Amino acid sequence: MTHEADGVGDRDGELEIEVIGADGVAPHAPTATEVQELCALALASAGIDHGHVAIEFVDEDRIRELNRRFRARDEPTDVLSFGVDEAGPSAGPRELGDIVVCPEHTADVREAVVHGALHLTGMDHEADDGEMLALQAELMRWLT
């Protein structure tokens, strides 16, 4: 699989968002620049303005493999997030984590990016009282 990477920001206290595989996404999907902006907006909503995030677009087989390996669910899903440094100290530039999106299983790629980024902020819709999904809905309203 060929990967196309595009990043914004630098490693010295700014936000760096790397987008991988955007060239394989459906024509109506957001551009790599739009994906970066969506992620930055979601992170900013939690006060995060520096660090590195990688967003990769993958096919159904890859997201199923990741979902099986890390969540013990043998089925494809729309988006997965993998936090790295989270709230702890980091040895270098803060590594916020990775977001993996499967456009084939995503009704709205933009919303999947926002959803994944909110998870990297520490939010969890499976454990909160609806705050994450309410914020996600609010951010999506701002974008329309």
Protein backbone atom coordinates (compact mmCIF):
# COMPACT_ATOMS: atom_id res chain seq x y z
CA MET A 1 0.00 0.00 0.00
CA THR A 2 1.42 3.36 -0.97
CA HIS A 3 1.33 6.01 1.73
CA GLU A 4 1.17 9.72 1.13
CA ALA A 5 2.18 11.81 4.10
CA ASP A 6 1.47 15.47 4.63
CA GLY A 7 2.16 17.32 7.88
CA VAL A 8 1.55 20.76 9.32
CA GLY A 9 3.52 22.48 12.08
CA ASP A 10 6.88 21.57 13.45
CA ARG A 11 8.30 19.61 16.34
CA ASP A 12 9.17 22.66 18.48
CA GLY A 13 6.02 23.33 20.49
CA GLU A 14 3.55 23.42 17.62
CA LEU A 15 0.93 20.98 16.49
CA GLU A 16 2.10 18.56 13.79
CA ILE A 17 -0.60 16.54 12.06
CA GLU A 18 0.54 13.92 9.60
CA VAL A 19 -2.03 12.52 7.15
CA ILE A 20 -1.28 9.14 5.56
CA GLY A 21 -3.22 7.45 2.79
CA ALA A 22 -5.53 10.35 1.97
CA ASP A 23 -4.99 9.67 -1.73
CA GLY A 24 -7.06 6.48 -1.43
CA VAL A 25 -10.09 8.14 0.14
CA ALA A 26 -13.32 8.69 -1.81
CA PRO A 27 -13.53 11.84 -3.98
CA HIS A 28 -16.11 13.48 -1.65
CA ALA A 29 -13.87 13.02 1.39
CA PRO A 30 -11.91 15.91 2.92
CA THR A 31 -8.48 16.81 1.61
CA ALA A 32 -5.38 16.23 3.72
CA THR A 33 -5.43 19.93 4.66
CA GLU A 34 -9.07 19.71 5.76
CA VAL A 35 -8.27 16.60 7.81
CA GLN A 36 -5.47 18.51 9.55
CA GLU A 37 -7.82 21.43 10.28
CA LEU A 38 -10.52 19.12 11.67
CA CYS A 39 -8.05 17.41 13.96
CA ALA A 40 -6.57 20.72 15.12
CA LEU A 41 -10.06 22.06 15.92
CA ALA A 42 -10.94 19.00 17.99
CA LEU A 43 -7.64 19.12 19.87
CA ALA A 44 -7.96 22.87 20.47
CA SER A 45 -11.38 22.29 22.04
CA ALA A 46 -9.48 20.51 24.82
CA GLY A 47 -6.71 23.11 25.02
CA ILE A 48 -4.15 21.03 23.12
CA ASP A 49 -2.03 23.10 20.73
CA HIS A 50 1.23 21.18 20.47
CA GLY A 51 2.36 17.65 19.77
CA HIS A 52 2.26 15.15 16.93
CA VAL A 53 -0.72 13.20 15.59
CA ALA A 54 -0.73 10.73 12.71
CA ILE A 55 -4.00 10.11 10.88
CA GLU A 56 -4.07 7.13 8.57
CA PHE A 57 -6.80 6.08 6.16
CA VAL A 58 -6.98 2.30 5.82
CA ASP A 59 -9.10 -0.38 4.21
CA GLU A 60 -11.57 -2.72 5.89
CA ASP A 61 -9.08 -5.55 6.37
CA ARG A 62 -6.56 -3.33 8.18
CA ILE A 63 -9.08 -1.72 10.55
CA ARG A 64 -10.53 -5.15 11.33
CA GLU A 65 -7.03 -6.43 12.16
CA LEU A 66 -6.37 -3.46 14.47
CA ASN A 67 -9.79 -3.75 16.11
CA ARG A 68 -9.22 -7.46 16.74
CA ARG A 69 -5.71 -6.94 18.08
CA PHE A 70 -6.35 -3.96 20.36
CA ARG A 71 -10.04 -4.22 21.25
CA ALA A 72 -10.70 -7.97 20.89
CA ARG A 73 -13.49 -7.21 18.40
CA ASP A 74 -13.22 -9.21 15.19
CA GLU A 75 -15.07 -6.75 12.99
CA PRO A 76 -14.31 -3.61 11.04
CA THR A 77 -15.11 -0.25 12.60
CA ASP A 78 -15.10 3.37 11.50
CA VAL A 79 -12.31 4.90 13.57
CA LEU A 80 -9.74 3.86 16.18
CA SER A 81 -7.51 6.08 18.30
CA PHE A 82 -4.29 5.11 19.99
CA GLY A 83 -2.98 7.60 22.54
CA VAL A 84 0.76 7.59 23.15
CA ASP A 85 2.04 10.18 25.64
CA GLU A 86 -1.44 11.08 26.90
CA ALA A 87 -1.16 13.16 30.09
CA GLY A 88 2.26 11.88 31.14
CA PRO A 89 5.64 13.48 30.52
CA SER A 90 7.40 12.85 27.24
CA ALA A 91 11.10 12.47 26.50
CA GLY A 92 10.87 14.75 23.45
CA PRO A 93 8.15 16.35 21.41
CA ARG A 94 4.76 15.25 22.72
CA GLU A 95 3.38 12.29 20.77
CA LEU A 96 -0.40 12.60 21.07
CA GLY A 97 -1.08 9.39 19.16
CA ASP A 98 -2.57 7.87 16.06
CA ILE A 99 -6.03 7.99 14.50
CA VAL A 100 -6.98 5.26 12.04
CA VAL A 101 -10.03 5.83 9.83
CA CYS A 102 -11.73 3.33 7.53
CA PRO A 103 -13.74 5.36 4.99
CA GLU A 104 -15.61 2.19 3.91
CA HIS A 105 -17.18 2.00 7.40
CA THR A 106 -17.57 5.69 8.03
CA ALA A 107 -20.75 7.60 7.26
CA ASP A 108 -18.86 10.91 7.60
CA VAL A 109 -15.06 10.94 7.36
CA ARG A 110 -14.92 14.46 8.83
CA GLU A 111 -16.83 13.38 11.92
CA ALA A 112 -14.64 10.27 12.27
CA VAL A 113 -11.52 12.48 12.35
CA VAL A 114 -13.07 14.74 15.01
CA HIS A 115 -14.18 11.68 17.00
CA GLY A 116 -10.72 10.14 16.89
CA ALA A 117 -9.04 13.40 17.89
CA LEU A 118 -11.38 13.85 20.86
CA HIS A 119 -10.36 10.39 22.07
CA LEU A 120 -6.71 11.52 21.93
CA THR A 121 -7.62 14.37 24.31
CA GLY A 122 -8.61 11.77 26.91
CA MET A 123 -12.34 11.88 26.29
CA ASP A 124 -14.23 8.58 26.21
CA HIS A 125 -17.89 8.35 25.22
CA GLU A 126 -18.07 4.84 26.65
CA ALA A 127 -17.23 6.14 30.13
CA ASP A 128 -18.52 9.71 30.32
CA ASP A 129 -22.06 11.05 30.66
CA GLY A 130 -22.38 12.14 27.05
CA GLU A 131 -19.87 15.00 27.15
CA MET A 132 -17.67 13.70 24.33
CA LEU A 133 -20.50 13.09 21.88
CA ALA A 134 -22.10 16.44 22.78
CA LEU A 135 -18.82 18.24 22.07
CA GLN A 136 -18.40 16.26 18.86
CA ALA A 137 -21.90 17.29 17.73
CA GLU A 138 -21.16 20.93 18.60
CA LEU A 139 -17.90 20.90 16.63
CA MET A 140 -19.66 19.36 13.65
CA ARG A 141 -22.32 22.09 13.79
CA TRP A 142 -19.57 24.71 13.64
CA LEU A 143 -18.23 23.05 10.50
CA THR A 144 -21.48 23.07 8.54
